[in-house]
Amino acid sequence: MGSPKKSRRKYSKPSHPWQKERIDQEKIILNEYGLVNKKEIWKASSQLRKFKSQAKKLTALNSEQAEKEKEQLINRLFKLNLVAKTANLDDVLSLELKNILDRRLQTRVFKQGLTRTIKQARQFITHGHLFIGDKKMTIPSYMVKLDEESKIIFNPKSKISSIEHPERPQPEKESVERVEEKPKKKEEKPKEVKKEPPKEEKKEEVKEESKK
């Protein structure tokens, strides 16, 4: 038995740490979801593997206990809004890493338009500016349940709870300001085009001058 004071690692590192394709993909995911380091990707990947391994085991069983566990797994994933209520184990096996990352509190806060950027969402959460219902949330990786999405609000005691706070996104005002900032184009006067006499008239003028 391990020491009760020391928490065990809840994720597994990649077996091949120097794969270029995987490293490039992880960089894209880090920027897209505003993650601090790759450990957060590995934690989400480990959670996804647990769901899939459980689904694989249940597909090979036909007992009553297996049916109960299937229902429990589907209900759990439905509460996290990862699958539909009428989903089956094949739907669980088709889940991807982005499906897990989309359910993180940090991602939900940004996609609901409460922050300007995904990184700002992380900052607000860690500083205690956001609640789910009446509970303060300070964990960006918290998996938001389906019935909790509408309960994400700002801390009433926080100054950021005011809509007029400068750190809050204000798309309407920003769009108006952008339109006002655009300089008006100066009206250019149409250039006068000098009309040249036709060629025949020119020839006649030349002949008359030669006669003189």
C-alpha atoms as a PDB file:
ATOM      1  CA  MET A   1       0.000   0.000   0.000  1.00  0.00           C
ATOM      2  CA  GLY A   2       1.173   3.498  -0.794  1.00  0.00           C
ATOM      3  CA  SER A   3       1.340   6.399   1.577  1.00  0.00           C
ATOM      4  CA  PRO A   4      -2.138   7.943   2.182  1.00  0.00           C
ATOM      5  CA  LYS A   5      -0.584  11.414   2.137  1.00  0.00           C
ATOM      6  CA  LYS A   6       0.769  11.053  -1.374  1.00  0.00           C
ATOM      7  CA  SER A   7      -1.867  11.113  -4.144  1.00  0.00           C
ATOM      8  CA  ARG A   8      -1.353   8.747  -7.036  1.00  0.00           C
ATOM      9  CA  ARG A   9      -0.997   9.976 -10.573  1.00  0.00           C
ATOM     10  CA  LYS A  10      -4.352   9.882 -12.368  1.00  0.00           C
ATOM     11  CA  TYR A  11      -3.004   9.814 -15.888  1.00  0.00           C
ATOM     12  CA  SER A  12      -0.496   7.961 -18.024  1.00  0.00           C
ATOM     13  CA  LYS A  13       2.168   9.559 -20.180  1.00  0.00           C
ATOM     14  CA  PRO A  14       2.498   8.672 -23.872  1.00  0.00           C
ATOM     15  CA  SER A  15       4.549   5.560 -24.547  1.00  0.00           C
ATOM     16  CA  HIS A  16       6.555   7.352 -27.258  1.00  0.00           C
ATOM     17  CA  PRO A  17       7.348  10.870 -25.977  1.00  0.00           C
ATOM     18  CA  TRP A  18       9.164  12.089 -29.101  1.00  0.00           C
ATOM     19  CA  GLN A  19       6.590  11.552 -31.845  1.00  0.00           C
ATOM     20  CA  LYS A  20       6.475  14.681 -33.982  1.00  0.00           C
ATOM     21  CA  GLU A  21       2.858  14.286 -35.151  1.00  0.00           C
ATOM     22  CA  ARG A  22       1.561  13.864 -31.608  1.00  0.00           C
ATOM     23  CA  ILE A  23       3.630  16.803 -30.332  1.00  0.00           C
ATOM     24  CA  ASP A  24       2.263  19.061 -33.093  1.00  0.00           C
ATOM     25  CA  GLN A  25      -1.314  17.995 -32.307  1.00  0.00           C
ATOM     26  CA  GLU A  26      -0.781  18.651 -28.601  1.00  0.00           C
ATOM     27  CA  LYS A  27       0.456  22.176 -29.352  1.00  0.00           C
ATOM     28  CA  ILE A  28      -2.709  22.903 -31.322  1.00  0.00           C
ATOM     29  CA  ILE A  29      -4.903  21.543 -28.501  1.00  0.00           C
ATOM     30  CA  LEU A  30      -3.001  23.583 -25.895  1.00  0.00           C
ATOM     31  CA  ASN A  31      -3.708  26.812 -27.789  1.00  0.00           C
ATOM     32  CA  GLU A  32      -7.292  25.935 -28.691  1.00  0.00           C
ATOM     33  CA  TYR A  33      -8.381  25.050 -25.142  1.00  0.00           C
ATOM     34  CA  GLY A  34      -6.049  27.375 -23.202  1.00  0.00           C
ATOM     35  CA  LEU A  35      -4.373  24.559 -21.279  1.00  0.00           C
ATOM     36  CA  VAL A  36      -1.338  25.232 -19.082  1.00  0.00           C
ATOM     37  CA  ASN A  37       0.602  22.086 -19.891  1.00  0.00           C
ATOM     38  CA  LYS A  38       0.322  18.696 -21.561  1.00  0.00           C
ATOM     39  CA  LYS A  39      -0.630  16.975 -18.300  1.00  0.00           C
ATOM     40  CA  GLU A  40      -4.164  18.294 -18.770  1.00  0.00           C
ATOM     41  CA  ILE A  41      -4.309  16.637 -22.190  1.00  0.00           C
ATOM     42  CA  TRP A  42      -3.023  13.364 -20.756  1.00  0.00           C
ATOM     43  CA  LYS A  43      -5.610  13.472 -17.943  1.00  0.00           C
ATOM     44  CA  ALA A  44      -8.436  13.935 -20.449  1.00  0.00           C
ATOM     45  CA  SER A  45      -6.999  11.139 -22.623  1.00  0.00           C
ATOM     46  CA  SER A  46      -6.846   8.784 -19.620  1.00  0.00           C
ATOM     47  CA  GLN A  47     -10.459   9.575 -18.758  1.00  0.00           C
ATOM     48  CA  LEU A  48     -11.515   8.864 -22.333  1.00  0.00           C
ATOM     49  CA  ARG A  49      -9.631   5.550 -22.322  1.00  0.00           C
ATOM     50  CA  LYS A  50     -11.471   4.500 -19.142  1.00  0.00           C
ATOM     51  CA  PHE A  51     -14.842   5.114 -20.761  1.00  0.00           C
ATOM     52  CA  LYS A  52     -13.857   3.207 -23.895  1.00  0.00           C
ATOM     53  CA  SER A  53     -12.262   0.272 -22.053  1.00  0.00           C
ATOM     54  CA  GLN A  54     -15.399  -0.108 -19.939  1.00  0.00           C
ATOM     55  CA  ALA A  55     -17.541  -0.047 -23.081  1.00  0.00           C
ATOM     56  CA  LYS A  56     -15.337  -2.683 -24.761  1.00  0.00           C
ATOM     57  CA  LYS A  57     -15.661  -5.013 -21.774  1.00  0.00           C
ATOM     58  CA  LEU A  58     -19.447  -4.617 -21.670  1.00  0.00           C
ATOM     59  CA  THR A  59     -19.871  -5.375 -25.387  1.00  0.00           C
ATOM     60  CA  ALA A  60     -18.523  -8.891 -24.787  1.00  0.00           C
ATOM     61  CA  LEU A  61     -20.946  -9.602 -21.884  1.00  0.00           C
ATOM     62  CA  ASN A  62     -24.631 -10.585 -22.017  1.00  0.00           C
ATOM     63  CA  SER A  63     -25.507 -10.934 -18.346  1.00  0.00           C
ATOM     64  CA  GLU A  64     -28.066  -8.906 -16.369  1.00  0.00           C
ATOM     65  CA  GLN A  65     -25.260  -7.229 -14.446  1.00  0.00           C
ATOM     66  CA  ALA A  66     -23.665  -6.172 -17.736  1.00  0.00           C
ATOM     67  CA  GLU A  67     -26.951  -4.590 -18.879  1.00  0.00           C
ATOM     68  CA  LYS A  68     -27.164  -2.617 -15.637  1.00  0.00           C
ATOM     69  CA  GLU A  69     -23.593  -1.424 -16.047  1.00  0.00           C
ATOM     70  CA  LYS A  70     -24.326  -0.401 -19.649  1.00  0.00           C
ATOM     71  CA  GLU A  71     -27.255   1.730 -18.482  1.00  0.00           C
ATOM     72  CA  GLN A  72     -25.137   3.271 -15.723  1.00  0.00           C
ATOM     73  CA  LEU A  73     -22.349   4.120 -18.171  1.00  0.00           C
ATOM     74  CA  ILE A  74     -24.750   5.653 -20.735  1.00  0.00           C
ATOM     75  CA  ASN A  75     -26.543   7.645 -18.020  1.00  0.00           C
ATOM     76  CA  ARG A  76     -23.260   8.931 -16.656  1.00  0.00           C
ATOM     77  CA  LEU A  77     -22.088  10.084 -20.073  1.00  0.00           C
ATOM     78  CA  PHE A  78     -25.523  11.549 -20.848  1.00  0.00           C
ATOM     79  CA  LYS A  79     -25.344  13.671 -17.692  1.00  0.00           C
ATOM     80  CA  LEU A  80     -21.999  14.989 -18.952  1.00  0.00           C
ATOM     81  CA  ASN A  81     -23.631  15.679 -22.366  1.00  0.00           C
ATOM     82  CA  LEU A  82     -21.151  13.382 -24.106  1.00  0.00           C
ATOM     83  CA  VAL A  83     -23.764  11.059 -25.629  1.00  0.00           C
ATOM     84  CA  ALA A  84     -27.517  11.081 -26.216  1.00  0.00           C
ATOM     85  CA  LYS A  85     -29.892   9.353 -23.843  1.00  0.00           C
ATOM     86  CA  THR A  86     -30.684   6.716 -26.493  1.00  0.00           C
ATOM     87  CA  ALA A  87     -27.000   6.085 -27.262  1.00  0.00           C
ATOM     88  CA  ASN A  88     -25.365   2.655 -27.304  1.00  0.00           C
ATOM     89  CA  LEU A  89     -21.863   1.388 -26.617  1.00  0.00           C
ATOM     90  CA  ASP A  90     -20.770   2.090 -30.201  1.00  0.00           C
ATOM     91  CA  ASP A  91     -21.430   5.784 -29.561  1.00  0.00           C
ATOM     92  CA  VAL A  92     -19.211   5.600 -26.480  1.00  0.00           C
ATOM     93  CA  LEU A  93     -16.422   4.022 -28.531  1.00  0.00           C
ATOM     94  CA  SER A  94     -16.675   6.823 -31.111  1.00  0.00           C
ATOM     95  CA  LEU A  95     -15.953   9.566 -28.558  1.00  0.00           C
ATOM     96  CA  GLU A  96     -12.868  11.702 -29.153  1.00  0.00           C
ATOM     97  CA  LEU A  97     -10.523  13.735 -26.974  1.00  0.00           C
ATOM     98  CA  LYS A  98     -12.176  17.006 -28.021  1.00  0.00           C
ATOM     99  CA  ASN A  99     -15.522  15.750 -26.685  1.00  0.00           C
ATOM    100  CA  ILE A 100     -13.958  15.486 -23.220  1.00  0.00           C
ATOM    101  CA  LEU A 101     -12.172  18.841 -23.438  1.00  0.00           C
ATOM    102  CA  ASP A 102     -15.381  20.571 -24.541  1.00  0.00           C
ATOM    103  CA  ARG A 103     -17.005  19.644 -21.217  1.00  0.00           C
ATOM    104  CA  ARG A 104     -14.348  21.357 -19.093  1.00  0.00           C
ATOM    105  CA  LEU A 105     -15.557  24.344 -17.081  1.00  0.00           C
ATOM    106  CA  GLN A 106     -12.951  26.566 -18.724  1.00  0.00           C
ATOM    107  CA  THR A 107     -14.281  25.709 -22.190  1.00  0.00           C
ATOM    108  CA  ARG A 108     -17.948  26.105 -21.224  1.00  0.00           C
ATOM    109  CA  VAL A 109     -17.326  29.541 -19.682  1.00  0.00           C
ATOM    110  CA  PHE A 110     -15.659  30.778 -22.863  1.00  0.00           C
ATOM    111  CA  LYS A 111     -18.232  29.247 -25.231  1.00  0.00           C
ATOM    112  CA  GLN A 112     -21.074  30.823 -23.267  1.00  0.00           C
ATOM    113  CA  GLY A 113     -19.559  34.232 -23.974  1.00  0.00           C
ATOM    114  CA  LEU A 114     -18.654  35.087 -20.386  1.00  0.00           C
ATOM    115  CA  THR A 115     -15.029  35.866 -21.253  1.00  0.00           C
ATOM    116  CA  ARG A 116     -13.134  37.360 -24.161  1.00  0.00           C
ATOM    117  CA  THR A 117     -10.610  34.537 -24.524  1.00  0.00           C
ATOM    118  CA  ILE A 118     -10.212  30.932 -23.396  1.00  0.00           C
ATOM    119  CA  LYS A 119      -7.209  31.903 -21.260  1.00  0.00           C
ATOM    120  CA  GLN A 120      -9.182  34.650 -19.563  1.00  0.00           C
ATOM    121  CA  ALA A 121     -11.771  32.011 -18.638  1.00  0.00           C
ATOM    122  CA  ARG A 122      -9.096  30.054 -16.792  1.00  0.00           C
ATOM    123  CA  GLN A 123      -7.973  33.186 -14.964  1.00  0.00           C
ATOM    124  CA  PHE A 124     -11.518  34.026 -13.824  1.00  0.00           C
ATOM    125  CA  ILE A 125     -12.086  30.483 -12.557  1.00  0.00           C
ATOM    126  CA  THR A 126      -8.834  30.169 -10.614  1.00  0.00           C
ATOM    127  CA  HIS A 127      -9.441  33.560  -8.963  1.00  0.00           C
ATOM    128  CA  GLY A 128     -12.904  32.520  -7.774  1.00  0.00           C
ATOM    129  CA  HIS A 129     -14.984  34.810 -10.002  1.00  0.00           C
ATOM    130  CA  LEU A 130     -17.353  32.061 -11.188  1.00  0.00           C
ATOM    131  CA  PHE A 131     -20.074  29.994  -9.555  1.00  0.00           C
ATOM    132  CA  ILE A 132     -22.110  26.979 -10.583  1.00  0.00           C
ATOM    133  CA  GLY A 133     -25.353  27.636  -8.775  1.00  0.00           C
ATOM    134  CA  ASP A 134     -24.308  28.662  -5.279  1.00  0.00           C
ATOM    135  CA  LYS A 135     -20.933  26.877  -5.323  1.00  0.00           C
ATOM    136  CA  LYS A 136     -17.683  28.659  -6.059  1.00  0.00           C
ATOM    137  CA  MET A 137     -15.660  26.845  -8.719  1.00  0.00           C
ATOM    138  CA  THR A 138     -11.876  27.185  -8.840  1.00  0.00           C
ATOM    139  CA  ILE A 139     -11.014  24.117 -10.954  1.00  0.00           C
ATOM    140  CA  PRO A 140     -10.826  24.814 -14.711  1.00  0.00           C
ATOM    141  CA  SER A 141     -10.825  21.081 -15.548  1.00  0.00           C
ATOM    142  CA  TYR A 142     -14.130  20.429 -13.748  1.00  0.00           C
ATOM    143  CA  MET A 143     -16.462  18.404 -16.010  1.00  0.00           C
ATOM    144  CA  VAL A 144     -19.676  20.394 -16.339  1.00  0.00           C
ATOM    145  CA  LYS A 145     -22.887  18.376 -16.281  1.00  0.00           C
ATOM    146  CA  LEU A 146     -25.747  19.002 -18.669  1.00  0.00           C
ATOM    147  CA  ASP A 147     -28.042  20.500 -16.029  1.00  0.00           C
ATOM    148  CA  GLU A 148     -25.234  22.735 -14.728  1.00  0.00           C
ATOM    149  CA  GLU A 149     -24.570  24.645 -17.953  1.00  0.00           C
ATOM    150  CA  SER A 150     -27.361  27.165 -17.326  1.00  0.00           C
ATOM    151  CA  LYS A 151     -26.178  27.641 -13.727  1.00  0.00           C
ATOM    152  CA  ILE A 152     -22.743  29.046 -14.588  1.00  0.00           C
ATOM    153  CA  ILE A 153     -22.746  32.626 -13.282  1.00  0.00           C
ATOM    154  CA  PHE A 154     -20.329  35.207 -11.965  1.00  0.00           C
ATOM    155  CA  ASN A 155     -19.655  35.489  -8.271  1.00  0.00           C
ATOM    156  CA  PRO A 156     -22.177  38.115  -7.057  1.00  0.00           C
ATOM    157  CA  LYS A 157     -19.508  39.600  -4.753  1.00  0.00           C
ATOM    158  CA  SER A 158     -17.027  39.963  -7.603  1.00  0.00           C
ATOM    159  CA  LYS A 159     -16.633  43.276  -9.430  1.00  0.00           C
ATOM    160  CA  ILE A 160     -16.557  41.344 -12.706  1.00  0.00           C
ATOM    161  CA  SER A 161     -20.215  40.404 -12.185  1.00  0.00           C
ATOM    162  CA  SER A 162     -21.089  43.885 -13.486  1.00  0.00           C
ATOM    163  CA  ILE A 163     -21.800  43.863 -17.227  1.00  0.00           C
ATOM    164  CA  GLU A 164     -20.044  47.234 -17.570  1.00  0.00           C
ATOM    165  CA  HIS A 165     -16.766  45.895 -16.172  1.00  0.00           C
ATOM    166  CA  PRO A 166     -13.966  46.526 -18.713  1.00  0.00           C
ATOM    167  CA  GLU A 167     -12.850  42.876 -18.614  1.00  0.00           C
ATOM    168  CA  ARG A 168     -16.289  41.617 -19.633  1.00  0.00           C
ATOM    169  CA  PRO A 169     -16.928  41.001 -23.337  1.00  0.00           C
ATOM    170  CA  GLN A 170     -19.196  43.648 -24.832  1.00  0.00           C
ATOM    171  CA  PRO A 171     -19.616  42.730 -28.506  1.00  0.00           C
ATOM    172  CA  GLU A 172     -22.294  45.341 -29.264  1.00  0.00           C
ATOM    173  CA  LYS A 173     -20.246  48.277 -27.950  1.00  0.00           C
ATOM    174  CA  GLU A 174     -17.073  46.991 -29.554  1.00  0.00           C
ATOM    175  CA  SER A 175     -18.763  46.699 -32.955  1.00  0.00           C
ATOM    176  CA  VAL A 176     -20.135  50.261 -32.687  1.00  0.00           C
ATOM    177  CA  GLU A 177     -16.717  51.594 -31.682  1.00  0.00           C
ATOM    178  CA  ARG A 178     -15.071  49.824 -34.609  1.00  0.00           C
ATOM    179  CA  VAL A 179     -17.527  51.403 -37.045  1.00  0.00           C
ATOM    180  CA  GLU A 180     -16.952  54.874 -35.554  1.00  0.00           C
ATOM    181  CA  GLU A 181     -13.188  54.458 -35.623  1.00  0.00           C
ATOM    182  CA  LYS A 182     -13.127  53.782 -39.362  1.00  0.00           C
ATOM    183  CA  PRO A 183     -12.056  57.035 -41.122  1.00  0.00           C
ATOM    184  CA  LYS A 184     -14.402  58.329 -43.737  1.00  0.00           C
ATOM    185  CA  LYS A 185     -13.063  58.191 -47.236  1.00  0.00           C
ATOM    186  CA  LYS A 186     -12.627  61.559 -48.926  1.00  0.00           C
ATOM    187  CA  GLU A 187     -14.886  62.066 -51.874  1.00  0.00           C
ATOM    188  CA  GLU A 188     -12.715  62.237 -54.939  1.00  0.00           C
ATOM    189  CA  LYS A 189     -13.807  64.618 -57.664  1.00  0.00           C
ATOM    190  CA  PRO A 190     -14.103  62.996 -61.059  1.00  0.00           C
ATOM    191  CA  LYS A 191     -11.215  63.904 -63.296  1.00  0.00           C
ATOM    192  CA  GLU A 192     -12.053  65.966 -66.360  1.00  0.00           C
ATOM    193  CA  VAL A 193     -11.268  64.057 -69.502  1.00  0.00           C
ATOM    194  CA  LYS A 194     -10.196  66.214 -72.444  1.00  0.00           C
ATOM    195  CA  LYS A 195     -11.986  65.228 -75.603  1.00  0.00           C
ATOM    196  CA  GLU A 196      -9.754  64.997 -78.631  1.00  0.00           C
ATOM    197  CA  PRO A 197     -11.165  65.939 -82.039  1.00  0.00           C
ATOM    198  CA  PRO A 198     -11.740  63.057 -84.432  1.00  0.00           C
ATOM    199  CA  LYS A 199      -8.934  62.045 -86.804  1.00  0.00           C
ATOM    200  CA  GLU A 200     -10.703  63.293 -89.940  1.00  0.00           C
ATOM    201  CA  GLU A 201     -11.001  66.818 -88.532  1.00  0.00           C
ATOM    202  CA  LYS A 202      -7.305  66.748 -87.646  1.00  0.00           C
ATOM    203  CA  LYS A 203      -6.366  65.796 -91.216  1.00  0.00           C
ATOM    204  CA  GLU A 204      -8.483  68.646 -92.651  1.00  0.00           C
ATOM    205  CA  GLU A 205      -6.806  71.146 -90.315  1.00  0.00           C
ATOM    206  CA  VAL A 206      -3.360  69.953 -91.410  1.00  0.00           C
ATOM    207  CA  LYS A 207      -4.283  70.293 -95.140  1.00  0.00           C
ATOM    208  CA  GLU A 208      -5.573  73.838 -94.654  1.00  0.00           C
ATOM    209  CA  GLU A 209      -2.370  74.877 -92.906  1.00  0.00           C
ATOM    210  CA  SER A 210      -0.266  73.353 -95.723  1.00  0.00           C
ATOM    211  CA  LYS A 211      -2.238  75.327 -98.383  1.00  0.00           C
ATOM    212  CA  LYS A 212      -1.557  78.545 -96.536  1.00  0.00           C
END
